Amino acid sequence: MGKNGRNYFRNTLLALARLDKPFIIRGRYFANPHLDYLTYTDIRPYVPAGASTNMICNHVNVMLPDLSKYIAVRPVMTSKVIDMSKEFIQAQERTNPVFMTAKTAICLMAKAELPGAEAIVSALGLENSEPLREMSDEETILGNALVVEAKYRTMCRLIEDTGFKTCVDLPCGYTPKAIHMTGRGLRFVGLDLPIVIEEVRPVMRSLGEYAERMSFGGVDATNYASLEKALQGVEGPLCITTEGMMMYFTEDEVENVIANIGRLLTKHGGCWITPDPEFLLQFVSTFRSVFGENSLGKLMLAGKTAKAQSDVANLSNSFILKPADIPGSLEKAETLLTRHRMKAEKINLGEVMPDLNIYKRLTPEQVQRFKESMQSCHYWFITLDSTKQEREEDDLAGQKQFEMQYSVESGIMQLCLVGRLDSISSPELLMAWEAEQTANTIDGIRIDCSGLEYISSAGIRLLQELQAECPQGIGFNKVCPAVKVILKQNGFTI
């Protein structure tokens, strides 16, 4: 059907939305790469009683907020649609392997018998604890579960103590925090990689009693536009929580993420709570207190597993304190916050940590040593520093949307990239590459970077993979200074 049919459908959708009435679409659908909307094809909407037409339109794009609020979806799944979905999921997994650490965390929470964790593990099909397979030592699993439960319960207590009514969990992972916080009367906004959000949203809404208080958004934490979009309609001060994320970033990325959180606090007000600067101290202190002289091997195994799952060679940057140089690394982390007009109050973990379920698996002596060791660890309560002069921000409104054009000529893939190549857009490039590689012999890639503004570690990881598959490698043209620095730091020749 042409333009009139599509307009009729859209008008019907809007009319029902204004009346707050749910309605049904039948047809085939597929998700776009950014997961902002579903495209339905060959569809017949159910229209209000008395309507004089029952038009079929050839397609319509339905935004996800409208989809989840107003529509009961009954798609007809064809094998083609299923294959497309699998392709996209696999592309996300390859470009963003760090999401596996979130599945490890929920399996560890189930080991610690946290409320709701076992149901989430079951819903995700992780009953065999596959993410924990590399931790073959049961004591290593126990130590990691102790760290995870301590962080989860302490964070939940600190969030409630702020008195703020909206928790923005970045990244939200697969933890039961959405269920717990909404059950305590808070609004919960879960932000994470699109691949995580795609899985966790239906699970939390099905398990939680207060699904109307939950919302979720696929984001890249280095991409402010994605964060701002996910928080559209959210008002009042925010309690932003970041648990188990900051250590996976490069120096350039961690600077971007801190700047973005500062922008959110400037716009909304509130605070940022994170244990991440001292995550190494908490791990080392936990394992030493519980396992004594046997702790080193278990710590190395835990670190090896995290690096393997995240594909990150070094779990460190200027925001992470080093056990071997606490004063020096502390100064660097605080300077990093100061650059973005923020300050941190250090909250003693030993003083605020609740009792833990997992204590029953430890001896009284181990529990006592653990509690004492946590007196030397802190969670950072970060707010804007009103005494610091407001720094001039980049023109975020001028940032370009990701666009990609490509063709293959004489064995060379000619690419033109615009905007940001990050964890949101990299899967789209990977899928295009694999489609062209199937249809053509590709010896090299030439990229027009005149419109490319930024490359995250997900983008770098993908470019390195593509370069390894091309005998003639990758050539970059018209590269802006910021992108040139990132490429050179990661071994590319410009």
Protein backbone atom coordinates (compact mmCIF):
# COMPACT_ATOMS: atom_id res chain seq x y z
CA MET A 1 0.00 0.00 0.00
CA GLY A 2 1.20 3.51 -0.68
CA LYS A 3 1.47 6.71 1.29
CA ASN A 4 -2.24 6.97 2.20
CA GLY A 5 -2.26 3.51 3.75
CA ARG A 6 0.82 4.23 5.84
CA ASN A 7 -0.60 7.55 7.00
CA TYR A 8 -3.87 5.87 7.98
CA PHE A 9 -1.99 3.33 10.04
CA ARG A 10 0.13 5.96 11.77
CA ASN A 11 -2.92 8.09 12.52
CA THR A 12 -4.67 5.06 14.00
CA LEU A 13 -1.64 4.35 16.18
CA LEU A 14 -1.51 7.94 17.41
CA ALA A 15 -5.25 8.07 18.11
CA LEU A 16 -5.14 4.92 20.19
CA ALA A 17 -2.01 6.13 21.97
CA ARG A 18 -3.81 9.31 23.02
CA LEU A 19 -6.60 7.18 24.45
CA ASP A 20 -4.02 4.98 26.17
CA LYS A 21 -5.55 1.90 24.48
CA PRO A 22 -3.48 -1.15 23.56
CA PHE A 23 -3.84 -2.59 20.10
CA ILE A 24 -2.40 -5.40 18.04
CA ILE A 25 -0.29 -5.54 14.91
CA ARG A 26 0.04 -8.75 12.94
CA GLY A 27 2.76 -9.25 10.38
CA ARG A 28 6.49 -9.80 9.94
CA TYR A 29 9.05 -7.63 11.64
CA PHE A 30 12.79 -7.08 12.01
CA ALA A 31 14.85 -4.86 14.29
CA ASN A 32 17.01 -2.08 12.93
CA PRO A 33 20.72 -2.13 13.94
CA HIS A 34 20.31 0.54 16.64
CA LEU A 35 17.27 -1.15 18.23
CA ASP A 36 15.32 2.13 18.22
CA TYR A 37 12.33 0.69 16.44
CA LEU A 38 10.84 -2.39 14.82
CA THR A 39 9.91 -2.36 11.16
CA TYR A 40 6.69 -4.27 10.47
CA THR A 41 5.94 -5.38 6.91
CA ASP A 42 2.74 -6.63 5.24
CA ILE A 43 0.64 -5.74 8.24
CA ARG A 44 -3.05 -5.32 9.01
CA PRO A 45 -3.79 -3.27 12.12
CA TYR A 46 -6.85 -3.84 14.22
CA VAL A 47 -8.75 -0.56 13.97
CA PRO A 48 -11.38 0.99 16.24
CA ALA A 49 -14.96 -0.24 15.98
CA GLY A 50 -16.88 1.52 13.25
CA ALA A 51 -13.83 2.31 11.14
CA SER A 52 -14.66 2.43 7.46
CA THR A 53 -11.46 0.82 6.24
CA ASN A 54 -9.18 -2.07 6.99
CA MET A 55 -6.20 -1.09 4.88
CA ILE A 56 -3.03 -3.10 4.68
CA CYS A 57 0.13 -0.98 4.53
CA ASN A 58 3.41 -2.35 3.24
CA HIS A 59 5.50 -1.25 6.22
CA VAL A 60 5.67 1.00 9.25
CA ASN A 61 8.43 1.78 11.75
CA VAL A 62 7.24 1.57 15.36
CA MET A 63 9.40 3.25 18.02
CA LEU A 64 10.19 0.97 20.96
CA PRO A 65 8.71 3.21 23.71
CA ASP A 66 5.36 3.12 21.85
CA LEU A 67 5.78 -0.58 21.20
CA SER A 68 6.24 -1.50 24.85
CA LYS A 69 3.51 0.85 26.10
CA TYR A 70 0.70 0.45 23.61
CA ILE A 71 1.13 -2.64 21.47
CA ALA A 72 0.59 -6.36 22.02
CA VAL A 73 2.90 -7.82 19.37
CA ARG A 74 2.00 -10.97 17.49
CA PRO A 75 4.60 -11.29 14.74
CA VAL A 76 4.66 -14.09 12.21
CA MET A 77 8.18 -15.48 12.54
CA THR A 78 9.66 -16.71 9.28
CA SER A 79 12.96 -18.55 9.00
CA LYS A 80 14.42 -15.50 7.27
CA VAL A 81 13.52 -13.27 10.19
CA ILE A 82 15.04 -15.72 12.66
CA ASP A 83 18.28 -15.87 10.67
CA MET A 84 18.51 -12.06 10.56
CA SER A 85 18.04 -11.90 14.31
CA LYS A 86 20.77 -14.47 14.89
CA GLU A 87 23.15 -12.60 12.57
CA PHE A 88 22.67 -9.38 14.46
CA ILE A 89 23.07 -11.02 17.87
CA GLN A 90 26.26 -12.74 16.74
CA ALA A 91 27.61 -9.44 15.39
CA GLN A 92 26.96 -7.78 18.75
CA GLU A 93 28.64 -10.62 20.61
CA ARG A 94 31.77 -10.40 18.47
CA THR A 95 32.11 -6.62 18.70
CA ASN A 96 31.14 -6.40 22.39
CA PRO A 97 32.44 -9.53 24.15
CA VAL A 98 32.55 -7.69 27.50
CA PHE A 99 28.82 -8.44 27.95
CA MET A 100 29.82 -11.98 29.01
CA THR A 101 31.19 -10.57 32.27
CA ALA A 102 27.61 -9.55 33.15
CA LYS A 103 26.46 -13.15 32.72
CA THR A 104 29.30 -14.26 34.96
CA ALA A 105 28.09 -11.79 37.60
CA ILE A 106 24.50 -13.07 37.65
CA CYS A 107 25.73 -16.68 37.90
CA LEU A 108 27.88 -15.66 40.88
CA MET A 109 24.86 -13.93 42.44
CA ALA A 110 22.92 -17.16 42.10
CA LYS A 111 25.77 -18.95 43.90
CA ALA A 112 25.40 -16.37 46.69
CA GLU A 113 21.63 -17.04 46.73
CA LEU A 114 20.67 -13.41 46.14
CA PRO A 115 16.87 -12.99 45.85
CA GLY A 116 15.78 -13.18 42.23
CA ALA A 117 19.17 -14.26 40.87
CA GLU A 118 18.29 -17.92 40.35
CA ALA A 119 15.10 -17.02 38.44
CA ILE A 120 17.10 -14.69 36.18
CA VAL A 121 19.72 -17.38 35.55
CA SER A 122 16.94 -19.79 34.61
CA ALA A 123 15.27 -17.26 32.29
CA LEU A 124 18.61 -16.70 30.53
CA GLY A 125 19.21 -20.44 30.15
CA LEU A 126 22.37 -20.37 32.27
CA GLU A 127 21.49 -23.13 34.71
CA ASN A 128 24.71 -24.96 33.79
CA SER A 129 26.73 -21.90 34.92
CA GLU A 130 28.59 -21.86 31.59
CA PRO A 131 30.18 -18.42 32.26
CA LEU A 132 31.86 -19.87 35.38
CA ARG A 133 33.43 -22.82 33.57
CA GLU A 134 36.89 -21.20 33.44
CA MET A 135 36.80 -20.88 37.24
CA SER A 136 37.22 -24.59 37.80
CA ASP A 137 38.37 -24.02 41.37
CA GLU A 138 35.32 -23.88 43.68
CA GLU A 139 37.17 -21.61 46.10
CA THR A 140 37.83 -19.11 43.29
CA ILE A 141 34.09 -19.11 42.54
CA LEU A 142 33.40 -18.62 46.25
CA GLY A 143 35.77 -15.65 46.44
CA ASN A 144 34.23 -14.00 43.39
CA ALA A 145 30.71 -14.62 44.70
CA LEU A 146 31.71 -12.95 47.97
CA VAL A 147 32.95 -9.85 46.11
CA VAL A 148 29.83 -9.71 43.91
CA GLU A 149 27.36 -10.08 46.78
CA ALA A 150 29.18 -7.47 48.87
CA LYS A 151 29.07 -4.98 45.99
CA TYR A 152 25.44 -5.66 45.11
CA ARG A 153 24.03 -5.40 48.62
CA THR A 154 26.16 -2.37 49.51
CA MET A 155 25.19 -0.55 46.33
CA CYS A 156 21.49 -1.19 46.96
CA ARG A 157 21.82 0.24 50.48
CA LEU A 158 23.71 3.32 49.29
CA ILE A 159 21.19 4.00 46.51
CA GLU A 160 18.30 3.99 48.96
CA ASP A 161 20.22 6.14 51.45
CA THR A 162 20.53 8.96 48.89
CA GLY A 163 16.78 9.57 48.97
CA PHE A 164 16.71 10.06 45.20
CA LYS A 165 13.75 8.45 43.49
CA THR A 166 15.42 7.42 40.22
CA CYS A 167 18.27 4.93 39.94
CA VAL A 168 20.16 4.94 36.64
CA ASP A 169 22.22 1.76 36.56
CA LEU A 170 25.08 1.97 34.03
CA PRO A 171 25.66 -0.82 33.21
CA CYS A 172 22.61 -2.66 34.53
CA GLY A 173 23.76 -6.12 33.42
CA TYR A 174 21.45 -8.97 34.40
CA THR A 175 21.32 -8.31 38.16
CA PRO A 176 18.04 -8.28 40.15
CA LYS A 177 18.53 -4.58 40.97
CA ALA A 178 15.61 -3.54 38.76
CA ILE A 179 13.30 -5.87 40.70
CA HIS A 180 14.67 -4.81 44.08
CA MET A 181 14.65 -1.07 43.47
CA THR A 182 11.19 -0.89 41.92
CA GLY A 183 9.93 -3.00 44.80
CA ARG A 184 11.26 -0.31 47.15
CA GLY A 185 9.30 2.39 45.31
CA LEU A 186 12.09 3.74 43.09
CA ARG A 187 12.12 4.25 39.35
CA PHE A 188 14.80 2.11 37.71
CA VAL A 189 16.49 2.97 34.43
CA GLY A 190 18.76 0.19 33.20
CA LEU A 191 21.37 1.16 30.61
CA ASP A 192 23.72 -1.29 28.93
CA LEU A 193 24.94 -2.55 25.59
CA PRO A 194 22.06 -3.25 23.17
CA ILE A 195 22.75 -6.99 23.28
CA VAL A 196 22.26 -7.00 27.07
CA ILE A 197 19.14 -4.82 26.97
CA GLU A 198 17.58 -7.05 24.33
CA GLU A 199 17.82 -9.98 26.76
CA VAL A 200 17.32 -8.33 30.13
CA ARG A 201 14.28 -6.11 29.43
CA PRO A 202 11.71 -8.92 28.98
CA VAL A 203 13.22 -10.95 31.82
CA MET A 204 12.99 -8.14 34.37
CA ARG A 205 9.53 -7.09 33.30
CA SER A 206 8.24 -10.63 33.57
CA LEU A 207 9.83 -11.28 36.98
CA GLY A 208 9.27 -7.87 38.57
CA GLU A 209 6.04 -6.89 40.26
CA TYR A 210 6.37 -3.23 39.25
CA ALA A 211 7.34 -3.36 35.59
CA GLU A 212 5.80 0.08 35.01
CA ARG A 213 8.61 1.58 37.13
CA MET A 214 11.31 0.02 34.92
CA SER A 215 12.78 1.30 31.67
CA PHE A 216 15.80 0.12 29.71
CA GLY A 217 17.98 1.58 27.00
CA GLY A 218 20.76 0.29 24.79
CA VAL A 219 23.69 2.71 25.02
CA ASP A 220 27.39 3.20 24.56
CA ALA A 221 28.67 4.91 27.71
CA THR A 222 31.18 6.92 25.64
CA ASN A 223 28.33 8.21 23.45
CA TYR A 224 26.45 11.01 25.22
CA ALA A 225 23.71 11.15 22.60
CA SER A 226 22.76 7.53 23.36
CA LEU A 227 22.65 8.25 27.11
CA GLU A 228 20.55 11.38 26.67
CA LYS A 229 18.13 9.54 24.40
CA ALA A 230 17.71 6.70 26.89
CA LEU A 231 16.85 9.23 29.62
CA GLN A 232 14.23 11.15 27.66
CA GLY A 233 11.27 11.84 29.92
CA VAL A 234 13.23 11.14 33.11
CA GLU A 235 12.96 14.05 35.52
CA GLY A 236 14.41 14.94 38.89
CA PRO A 237 17.80 14.12 40.41
CA LEU A 238 19.43 10.83 39.47
CA CYS A 239 21.39 8.32 41.45
CA ILE A 240 23.75 7.02 38.75
CA THR A 241 25.46 3.76 39.65
CA THR A 242 28.44 2.27 37.85
CA GLU A 243 29.52 -1.14 39.04
CA GLY A 244 32.03 -3.27 37.15
CA MET A 245 32.48 -1.07 34.06
CA MET A 246 35.18 1.60 34.38
CA MET A 247 38.12 -0.83 34.42
CA TYR A 248 37.35 -2.05 30.89
CA PHE A 249 37.90 1.35 29.25
CA THR A 250 40.96 2.80 27.57
CA GLU A 251 42.30 6.16 28.77
CA ASP A 252 40.43 7.99 26.03
CA GLU A 253 37.19 6.14 26.77
CA VAL A 254 37.29 6.65 30.53
CA GLU A 255 37.74 10.39 29.96
CA ASN A 256 34.66 10.38 27.70
CA VAL A 257 32.54 8.38 30.15
CA ILE A 258 33.36 10.62 33.11
CA ALA A 259 32.61 13.69 31.00
CA ASN A 260 29.27 12.17 29.98
CA ILE A 261 28.27 11.39 33.57
CA GLY A 262 29.21 14.95 34.50
CA ARG A 263 26.91 16.22 31.75
CA LEU A 264 24.05 14.08 33.07
CA LEU A 265 24.54 15.40 36.60
CA THR A 266 24.66 18.96 35.30
CA LYS A 267 21.37 18.46 33.47
CA HIS A 268 19.47 16.37 36.03
CA GLY A 269 21.23 16.82 39.37
CA GLY A 270 21.97 13.97 41.76
CA CYS A 271 25.03 11.83 42.38
CA TRP A 272 27.22 9.07 40.97
CA ILE A 273 28.12 6.07 43.14
CA THR A 274 30.79 3.61 42.06
CA PRO A 275 33.09 1.03 43.67
CA ASP A 276 35.13 0.77 40.46
CA PRO A 277 38.16 2.94 41.37
CA GLU A 278 38.99 0.53 44.20
CA PHE A 279 37.79 -2.70 42.60
CA LEU A 280 41.32 -4.16 42.60
CA LEU A 281 41.78 -3.31 46.28
CA GLN A 282 38.50 -5.00 47.15
CA PHE A 283 39.38 -8.13 45.17
CA VAL A 284 42.88 -8.42 46.63
CA SER A 285 41.68 -7.72 50.19
CA THR A 286 38.83 -10.23 49.87
CA PHE A 287 40.95 -13.10 48.57
CA ARG A 288 43.80 -12.48 51.00
CA SER A 289 41.48 -12.33 54.00
CA VAL A 290 39.61 -15.52 53.06
CA PHE A 291 42.30 -17.69 51.46
CA GLY A 292 45.54 -16.38 52.97
CA GLU A 293 48.71 -17.63 51.29
CA ASN A 294 46.65 -19.47 48.62
CA SER A 295 45.05 -16.24 47.40
CA LEU A 296 47.54 -15.30 44.66
CA GLY A 297 46.76 -18.20 42.34
CA LYS A 298 43.02 -17.71 42.77
CA LEU A 299 43.33 -13.97 42.05
CA MET A 300 45.29 -14.69 38.89
CA LEU A 301 42.64 -17.16 37.72
CA ALA A 302 39.86 -14.64 38.37
CA GLY A 303 41.75 -11.93 36.47
CA LYS A 304 42.49 -14.27 33.57
CA THR A 305 38.78 -15.14 33.27
CA ALA A 306 37.72 -11.47 33.26
CA LYS A 307 40.28 -10.57 30.59
CA ALA A 308 39.32 -13.53 28.41
CA GLN A 309 35.60 -12.78 28.59
CA SER A 310 36.01 -9.05 27.95
CA ASP A 311 38.83 -9.30 25.39
CA VAL A 312 40.57 -6.52 27.34
CA ALA A 313 44.30 -6.97 27.85
CA ASN A 314 44.69 -4.66 30.82
CA LEU A 315 41.95 -4.01 33.41
CA SER A 316 43.29 -0.58 34.29
CA ASN A 317 43.30 3.14 33.47
CA SER A 318 43.78 6.44 35.30
CA PHE A 319 40.50 6.03 37.21
CA ILE A 320 41.54 2.71 38.77
CA LEU A 321 43.69 2.61 41.91
CA LYS A 322 46.77 0.37 41.79
CA PRO A 323 47.47 -1.70 44.93
CA ALA A 324 51.21 -1.20 44.35
CA ASP A 325 50.89 2.61 44.24
CA ILE A 326 47.75 3.73 46.06
CA PRO A 327 48.83 7.37 46.73
CA GLY A 328 49.97 8.01 43.17
CA SER A 329 47.01 6.34 41.48
CA LEU A 330 44.57 8.00 43.90
CA GLU A 331 45.93 11.41 42.90
CA LYS A 332 45.47 10.56 39.20
CA ALA A 333 41.87 9.42 39.73
CA GLU A 334 40.95 12.51 41.73
CA THR A 335 42.61 14.77 39.14
CA LEU A 336 40.54 13.08 36.45
CA LEU A 337 37.34 13.94 38.33
CA THR A 338 38.52 17.49 38.99
CA ARG A 339 38.98 18.07 35.27
CA HIS A 340 35.26 17.44 34.90
CA ARG A 341 34.15 19.56 37.88
CA MET A 342 33.45 16.59 40.14
CA LYS A 343 34.55 15.57 43.60
CA ALA A 344 34.41 12.28 45.48
CA GLU A 345 33.50 11.45 49.05
CA LYS A 346 35.00 8.09 50.08
CA ILE A 347 32.50 5.83 51.88
CA ASN A 348 34.12 3.15 54.02
CA LEU A 349 32.86 -0.22 52.78
CA GLY A 350 33.36 -1.95 56.11
CA GLU A 351 31.05 0.55 57.82
CA VAL A 352 28.11 0.31 55.39
CA MET A 353 28.26 -3.27 54.08
CA PRO A 354 25.22 -5.36 55.16
CA ASP A 355 25.50 -8.96 56.32
CA LEU A 356 25.86 -11.38 53.43
CA ASN A 357 24.22 -14.72 52.60
CA ILE A 358 27.54 -16.22 51.63
CA TYR A 359 28.93 -15.90 55.16
CA LYS A 360 27.33 -19.29 55.89
CA ARG A 361 29.87 -20.88 53.54
CA LEU A 362 32.81 -19.34 55.42
CA THR A 363 34.27 -20.06 58.81
CA PRO A 364 33.73 -17.48 61.58
CA GLU A 365 37.43 -16.61 61.33
CA GLN A 366 37.19 -16.00 57.57
CA VAL A 367 34.12 -13.78 58.03
CA GLN A 368 35.89 -11.73 60.69
CA ARG A 369 39.04 -11.28 58.60
CA PHE A 370 36.93 -10.32 55.59
CA LYS A 371 34.97 -7.69 57.51
CA GLU A 372 38.17 -6.20 58.86
CA SER A 373 39.77 -6.08 55.42
CA MET A 374 36.81 -4.19 53.95
CA GLN A 375 37.60 -1.33 56.35
CA SER A 376 40.39 -0.38 53.96
CA CYS A 377 38.12 -0.24 50.87
CA HIS A 378 35.85 2.59 49.79
CA TYR A 379 32.96 3.32 47.47
CA TRP A 380 33.08 6.68 45.79
CA PHE A 381 30.13 9.05 46.20
CA ILE A 382 30.67 11.56 43.41
CA THR A 383 28.92 14.90 42.89
CA LEU A 384 29.49 18.08 40.94
CA ASP A 385 31.96 20.45 42.59
CA SER A 386 30.31 23.88 42.69
CA THR A 387 33.65 25.51 43.57
CA LYS A 388 35.14 24.59 40.20
CA GLN A 389 34.68 26.78 37.16
CA GLU A 390 32.35 25.30 34.60
CA ARG A 391 34.40 23.97 31.72
CA GLU A 392 33.48 24.61 28.13
CA GLU A 393 31.81 21.52 26.71
CA ASP A 394 31.96 20.19 23.18
CA ASP A 395 29.11 21.01 20.85
CA LEU A 396 27.23 17.76 21.32
CA ALA A 397 24.32 18.95 19.18
CA GLY A 398 26.69 18.99 16.23
CA GLN A 399 27.64 15.33 16.52
CA LYS A 400 26.79 13.31 13.45
CA GLN A 401 24.60 10.21 13.37
CA PHE A 402 26.41 7.07 12.27
CA GLU A 403 26.21 6.46 8.55
CA MET A 404 27.99 3.99 6.33
CA GLN A 405 28.35 3.69 2.56
CA TYR A 406 30.38 1.03 0.83
CA SER A 407 31.15 -0.70 -2.42
CA VAL A 408 33.63 -3.31 -3.63
CA GLU A 409 35.82 -2.48 -6.61
CA SER A 410 38.61 -4.74 -7.92
CA GLY A 411 38.87 -6.61 -4.62
CA ILE A 412 38.97 -3.45 -2.49
CA MET A 413 36.11 -2.52 -0.18
CA GLN A 414 35.61 1.24 -0.31
CA LEU A 415 34.05 2.47 2.95
CA CYS A 416 32.81 5.89 3.96
CA LEU A 417 32.08 6.18 7.69
CA VAL A 418 30.32 9.13 9.34
CA GLY A 419 29.79 9.75 13.06
CA ARG A 420 31.02 7.31 15.70
CA LEU A 421 32.26 3.76 15.29
CA ASP A 422 31.41 2.37 18.73
CA SER A 423 29.64 -0.51 20.43
CA ILE A 424 26.30 0.52 18.93
CA SER A 425 27.42 0.97 15.31
CA SER A 426 30.22 -1.63 15.04
CA PRO A 427 27.83 -4.60 14.60
CA GLU A 428 26.34 -2.87 11.56
CA LEU A 429 29.78 -2.59 9.95
CA LEU A 430 30.60 -6.21 10.79
CA MET A 431 27.40 -7.45 9.16
CA ALA A 432 28.09 -5.40 6.03
CA TRP A 433 31.64 -6.76 5.86
CA GLU A 434 30.51 -10.37 6.20
CA ALA A 435 27.81 -9.92 3.55
CA GLU A 436 30.31 -8.48 1.07
CA GLN A 437 32.94 -11.07 1.96
CA THR A 438 30.47 -13.82 1.13
CA ALA A 439 29.68 -12.30 -2.26
CA ASN A 440 33.16 -11.05 -3.23
CA THR A 441 36.87 -11.67 -2.76
CA ILE A 442 38.12 -8.76 -0.65
CA ASP A 443 41.88 -8.13 -0.46
CA GLY A 444 41.80 -4.79 1.31
CA ILE A 445 39.73 -1.97 2.76
CA ARG A 446 40.02 1.77 2.16
CA ILE A 447 38.12 4.00 4.58
CA ASP A 448 37.12 7.61 3.96
CA CYS A 449 37.23 9.05 7.49
CA SER A 450 36.33 12.65 6.63
CA GLY A 451 33.08 12.35 8.60
CA LEU A 452 34.31 9.94 11.28
CA GLU A 453 34.41 11.63 14.70
CA TYR A 454 35.34 8.89 17.18
CA ILE A 455 36.33 5.22 17.46
CA SER A 456 35.76 3.30 20.69
CA SER A 457 37.50 0.09 21.71
CA ALA A 458 34.64 -1.89 20.12
CA GLY A 459 35.35 -0.16 16.82
CA ILE A 460 39.10 -0.70 17.19
CA ARG A 461 38.55 -4.38 17.97
CA LEU A 462 36.51 -4.76 14.79
CA LEU A 463 39.02 -2.88 12.61
CA GLN A 464 41.83 -5.09 13.92
CA GLU A 465 39.79 -8.19 13.06
CA LEU A 466 39.08 -6.91 9.55
CA GLN A 467 42.71 -5.96 8.98
CA ALA A 468 43.82 -9.47 9.92
CA GLU A 469 41.52 -10.88 7.23
CA CYS A 470 42.73 -8.56 4.44
CA PRO A 471 46.05 -9.32 2.66
CA GLN A 472 46.35 -5.62 1.74
CA GLY A 473 45.19 -4.39 5.14
CA ILE A 474 43.21 -1.22 5.82
CA GLY A 475 44.00 2.25 4.49
CA PHE A 476 42.63 5.40 6.13
CA ASN A 477 42.04 8.69 4.31
CA LYS A 478 41.06 12.18 5.52
CA VAL A 479 41.41 11.31 9.22
CA CYS A 480 40.64 14.01 11.80
CA PRO A 481 43.26 14.60 14.55
CA ALA A 482 41.24 12.94 17.36
CA VAL A 483 40.64 9.75 15.37
CA LYS A 484 44.25 9.73 14.14
CA VAL A 485 45.50 9.61 17.73
CA ILE A 486 43.22 6.66 18.56
CA LEU A 487 44.26 4.71 15.47
CA LYS A 488 47.98 5.27 16.06
CA GLN A 489 47.68 4.27 19.72
CA ASN A 490 46.25 0.95 18.54
CA GLY A 491 48.94 0.17 15.97
CA PHE A 492 47.34 1.39 12.75
CA THR A 493 49.42 3.20 10.15
CA ILE A 494 47.97 6.46 8.92
